[in-house]
Protein backbone atom coordinates (compact mmCIF):
# COMPACT_ATOMS: atom_id res chain seq x y z
CA UNK A 1 -30.19 3.14 51.53
CA UNK A 2 -32.00 4.45 48.47
CA UNK A 3 -31.55 2.44 45.28
CA UNK A 4 -29.80 4.18 42.41
CA UNK A 5 -32.18 6.05 40.19
CA UNK A 6 -32.89 4.42 36.87
CA UNK A 7 -31.91 6.60 33.87
CA UNK A 8 -34.77 8.05 31.90
CA UNK A 9 -35.30 7.08 28.27
CA UNK A 10 -33.84 10.37 26.99
CA UNK A 11 -30.83 10.10 29.28
CA UNK A 12 -30.30 6.49 28.22
CA UNK A 13 -30.33 7.50 24.55
CA UNK A 14 -27.80 10.26 25.25
CA UNK A 15 -25.52 7.84 27.11
CA UNK A 16 -25.79 5.32 24.27
CA UNK A 17 -25.02 8.04 21.73
CA UNK A 18 -22.02 9.14 23.77
CA UNK A 19 -20.81 5.56 23.99
CA UNK A 20 -21.10 5.13 20.22
CA UNK A 21 -19.23 8.40 19.65
CA UNK A 22 -16.37 7.31 21.92
CA UNK A 23 -16.31 3.93 20.19
CA UNK A 24 -16.11 5.54 16.75
CA UNK A 25 -13.13 7.64 17.85
CA UNK A 26 -11.22 4.63 19.18
CA UNK A 27 -8.85 3.13 16.55
CA UNK A 28 -9.35 -0.55 15.84
CA UNK A 29 -8.25 -2.96 13.13
CA UNK A 30 -11.78 -4.36 13.01
CA UNK A 31 -12.76 -1.46 10.77
CA UNK A 32 -10.23 -2.43 8.10
CA UNK A 33 -11.57 -4.25 5.07
CA UNK A 34 -9.68 -6.64 2.81
CA UNK A 35 -8.86 -3.86 0.34
CA UNK A 36 -7.43 -1.57 3.02
CA UNK A 37 -5.17 -4.34 4.34
CA UNK A 38 -3.98 -5.37 0.87
CA UNK A 39 -3.21 -1.79 -0.19
CA UNK A 40 -1.54 -1.03 3.14
CA UNK A 41 0.78 -4.05 3.09
CA UNK A 42 1.56 -3.67 -0.62
CA UNK A 43 2.40 0.02 -0.11
CA UNK A 44 5.02 -0.88 2.50
CA UNK A 45 6.49 -3.56 0.23
CA UNK A 46 6.51 -1.04 -2.63
CA UNK A 47 8.80 1.30 -0.68
CA UNK A 48 11.31 -1.53 -0.25
CA UNK A 49 11.03 -2.50 -3.94
CA UNK A 50 11.78 1.10 -4.92
CA UNK A 51 15.12 0.86 -3.09
CA UNK A 52 16.23 -2.11 -5.21
CA UNK A 53 18.22 -1.60 -8.41
CA UNK A 54 15.95 -0.58 -11.29
CA UNK A 55 18.35 0.36 -14.08
CA UNK A 56 21.87 -0.29 -15.26
CA UNK A 57 23.75 0.00 -18.57
CA UNK A 58 26.13 -2.09 -20.68
CA UNK A 59 29.12 -1.17 -18.51
CA UNK A 60 27.24 -2.14 -15.39
CA UNK A 61 26.26 -5.47 -16.94
CA UNK A 62 29.89 -6.16 -17.91
CA UNK A 63 31.06 -5.28 -14.41
CA UNK A 64 28.57 -7.71 -12.87
CA UNK A 65 29.71 -10.38 -15.30
CA UNK A 66 33.33 -9.82 -14.26
CA UNK A 67 32.28 -9.97 -10.62
CA UNK A 68 30.66 -13.37 -11.16
CA UNK A 69 33.66 -14.70 -13.11
CA UNK A 70 36.01 -13.88 -10.24
CA UNK A 71 33.68 -15.16 -7.54
CA UNK A 72 35.49 -17.12 -4.80
CA UNK A 73 36.21 -20.73 -5.78
CA UNK A 74 37.35 -23.48 -3.38
CA UNK A 75 40.08 -24.64 -5.77
CA UNK A 76 41.39 -21.19 -6.68
CA UNK A 77 43.30 -18.57 -4.75
CA UNK A 78 41.48 -15.30 -4.17
CA UNK A 79 44.68 -13.27 -4.01
CA UNK A 80 44.31 -12.01 -7.58
CA UNK A 81 40.58 -12.44 -8.12
CA UNK A 82 39.61 -10.65 -4.89
CA UNK A 83 40.77 -7.14 -5.90
CA UNK A 84 39.38 -7.58 -9.42
CA UNK A 85 36.01 -8.63 -8.01
CA UNK A 86 35.93 -5.68 -5.62
CA UNK A 87 36.73 -3.22 -8.42
CA UNK A 88 34.01 -4.79 -10.58
CA UNK A 89 31.48 -4.48 -7.75
CA UNK A 90 32.27 -0.79 -7.30
CA UNK A 91 32.05 -0.17 -11.05
CA UNK A 92 28.70 -1.98 -11.30
CA UNK A 93 27.20 0.01 -8.43
CA UNK A 94 28.26 3.27 -10.09
CA UNK A 95 26.15 2.38 -13.13
CA UNK A 96 23.11 1.04 -11.26
CA UNK A 97 20.19 3.20 -10.13
CA UNK A 98 17.09 2.64 -8.06
CA UNK A 99 13.84 4.60 -8.17
CA UNK A 100 15.26 7.34 -5.94
CA UNK A 101 18.47 7.79 -7.95
CA UNK A 102 17.14 7.90 -11.52
CA UNK A 103 17.10 11.57 -12.55
CA UNK A 104 15.32 11.61 -15.93
CA UNK A 105 12.06 13.59 -16.05
CA UNK A 106 9.91 10.50 -16.59
CA UNK A 107 11.68 8.69 -13.76
CA UNK A 108 11.05 11.64 -11.43
CA UNK A 109 7.35 11.64 -12.33
CA UNK A 110 7.21 7.90 -11.64
CA UNK A 111 8.95 8.41 -8.28
CA UNK A 112 6.47 11.10 -7.22
CA UNK A 113 3.55 8.94 -8.31
CA UNK A 114 4.83 5.91 -6.41
CA UNK A 115 5.42 7.90 -3.22
CA UNK A 116 2.00 9.55 -3.45
CA UNK A 117 0.30 6.20 -4.03
CA UNK A 118 2.06 4.58 -1.07
CA UNK A 119 1.28 7.48 1.27
CA UNK A 120 -2.38 7.60 0.22
CA UNK A 121 -2.78 3.84 0.69
CA UNK A 122 -1.22 3.94 4.16
CA UNK A 123 -3.27 7.02 5.11
CA UNK A 124 -6.46 5.30 3.92
CA UNK A 125 -5.80 2.35 6.23
CA UNK A 126 -4.95 4.55 9.23
CA UNK A 127 -7.98 6.81 8.75
CA UNK A 128 -10.23 3.78 8.30
CA UNK A 129 -8.92 2.31 11.56
CA UNK A 130 -9.79 5.60 13.31
CA UNK A 131 -13.29 5.57 11.80
CA UNK A 132 -12.75 8.66 9.64
CA UNK A 133 -15.09 8.74 6.66
CA UNK A 134 -15.04 10.62 3.37
CA UNK A 135 -17.57 11.07 0.62
CA UNK A 136 -16.83 8.64 -2.24
CA UNK A 137 -15.25 8.70 -4.73
CA UNK A 138 -12.93 11.40 -3.33
CA UNK A 139 -11.46 9.27 -0.54
CA UNK A 140 -7.84 8.37 0.23
CA UNK A 141 -8.49 4.91 -1.22
CA UNK A 142 -10.00 6.39 -4.37
CA UNK A 143 -7.09 8.79 -4.82
CA UNK A 144 -4.60 5.96 -4.24
CA UNK A 145 -6.30 3.87 -6.93
CA UNK A 146 -6.29 6.71 -9.49
CA UNK A 147 -2.75 7.95 -8.81
CA UNK A 148 -1.46 4.37 -8.70
CA UNK A 149 -3.10 3.47 -12.00
CA UNK A 150 -1.67 6.53 -13.76
CA UNK A 151 1.78 5.84 -12.30
CA UNK A 152 1.51 2.23 -13.41
CA UNK A 153 0.90 3.37 -16.99
CA UNK A 154 4.03 5.56 -16.86
CA UNK A 155 6.13 2.77 -15.37
CA UNK A 156 4.85 0.26 -17.91
CA UNK A 157 5.75 2.68 -20.71
CA UNK A 158 9.21 3.12 -19.19
CA UNK A 159 9.85 -0.63 -18.99
CA UNK A 160 8.15 -1.97 -22.11
CA UNK A 161 8.35 0.83 -24.69
CA UNK A 162 11.04 3.37 -23.83
CA UNK A 163 13.76 1.01 -22.62
CA UNK A 164 14.07 -1.30 -25.65
CA UNK A 165 13.43 1.46 -28.17
CA UNK A 166 14.05 5.08 -27.17
CA UNK A 167 16.52 4.24 -24.40
CA UNK A 168 18.23 1.08 -25.60
CA UNK A 169 21.39 1.81 -23.58
CA UNK A 170 19.53 1.22 -20.32
CA UNK A 171 18.99 -2.26 -18.93
CA UNK A 172 15.92 -2.90 -16.78
CA UNK A 173 16.61 -4.81 -13.56
CA UNK A 174 14.39 -6.82 -11.25
CA UNK A 175 13.51 -3.92 -8.94
CA UNK A 176 11.52 -2.08 -11.61
CA UNK A 177 9.48 -5.15 -12.57
CA UNK A 178 8.83 -6.02 -8.93
CA UNK A 179 7.71 -2.46 -8.20
CA UNK A 180 5.25 -2.58 -11.10
CA UNK A 181 3.76 -5.85 -9.80
CA UNK A 182 3.47 -4.55 -6.23
CA UNK A 183 1.98 -1.28 -7.49
CA UNK A 184 -0.74 -3.31 -9.21
CA UNK A 185 -1.58 -4.89 -5.85
CA UNK A 186 -1.83 -1.45 -4.24
CA UNK A 187 -4.25 -0.32 -6.97
CA UNK A 188 -6.35 -3.49 -6.66
CA UNK A 189 -6.55 -3.14 -2.89
CA UNK A 190 -7.40 0.57 -3.04
CA UNK A 191 -10.08 -0.05 -5.68
CA UNK A 192 -11.63 -2.79 -3.54
CA UNK A 193 -11.58 -0.49 -0.50
CA UNK A 194 -13.24 2.25 -2.56
CA UNK A 195 -16.02 -0.13 -3.63
CA UNK A 196 -16.59 -0.99 0.02
CA UNK A 197 -16.72 2.70 0.94
CA UNK A 198 -19.23 3.38 -1.81
CA UNK A 199 -21.41 0.47 -0.65
CA UNK A 200 -21.22 1.73 2.93
CA UNK A 201 -22.23 5.22 1.84
CA UNK A 202 -25.21 3.75 -0.02
CA UNK A 203 -26.22 1.71 3.03
CA UNK A 204 -25.94 4.77 5.25
CA UNK A 205 -28.33 6.56 2.92
CA UNK A 206 -30.91 3.86 3.63
CA UNK A 207 -30.05 3.71 7.33
CA UNK A 208 -28.86 0.11 7.25
CA UNK A 209 -25.14 0.58 7.94
CA UNK A 210 -23.35 0.67 11.29
CA UNK A 211 -19.77 0.93 12.43
CA UNK A 212 -18.19 -2.57 12.28
CA UNK A 213 -16.49 -1.86 15.61
CA UNK A 214 -19.80 -1.01 17.32
CA UNK A 215 -22.27 -3.56 18.70
CA UNK A 216 -25.68 -3.67 17.13
CA UNK A 217 -28.19 -1.45 18.92
CA UNK A 218 -31.01 -3.25 20.72
CA UNK A 219 -29.58 -6.62 19.60
CA UNK A 220 -30.01 -9.62 21.91
CA UNK A 221 -26.91 -10.18 24.08
CA UNK A 222 -26.27 -13.59 22.52
CA UNK A 223 -26.45 -12.39 18.94
CA UNK A 224 -25.42 -9.10 17.33
CA UNK A 225 -27.27 -9.43 14.04
CA UNK A 226 -30.56 -10.88 13.02
CA UNK A 227 -33.93 -11.14 14.74
CA UNK A 228 -34.38 -12.99 17.98
CA UNK A 229 -35.85 -16.46 17.66
CA UNK A 230 -39.17 -17.09 19.30
CA UNK A 231 -39.38 -19.74 21.94
């Protein structure tokens, strides 16, 4: 029986290149950096925060107060308080709005900005896991950071300046404040991911960067990085 022919140097290089190409196309969480993970998780939380109540008005506040006054008590019959509480709950919900229900122009701009930021942050994480690369600074992470920062300015204006002054009839609820805080985390994560992408692009220009999901080429089997120690 003839032994299997050893691959030539050129054929070995082609096989190694093909292996690296297949490895780069395979999705893996090992490619994700801290910024991608932070922006990704915060973007999902942001979508839930947007569904919470953001705004109400004086009537809504009064209805919630009535609802709490007629809350069930162990020493009091709920025969009269029950219907009153139910009516107050319905009235309060009619005056409360979340990010998807607010129909003012500024609120619509904020909604579009939040949705765009969340989608870009999620897309950046997915594309990074698949090994897709873009030229910084125009990357999904970079766009998420910019759009998120601009949206944060609009939301901050809506909460801090417009509500107590130009729109005093509106009461800000917890959902709006929580969304602003989570949006800040998305921006911080996206900015950190962008810095990592810029550093990687710089390293690639000097030929010192490799795919984190790929083993180091020509590295000793017991160690991926660093020179082999002499015996």
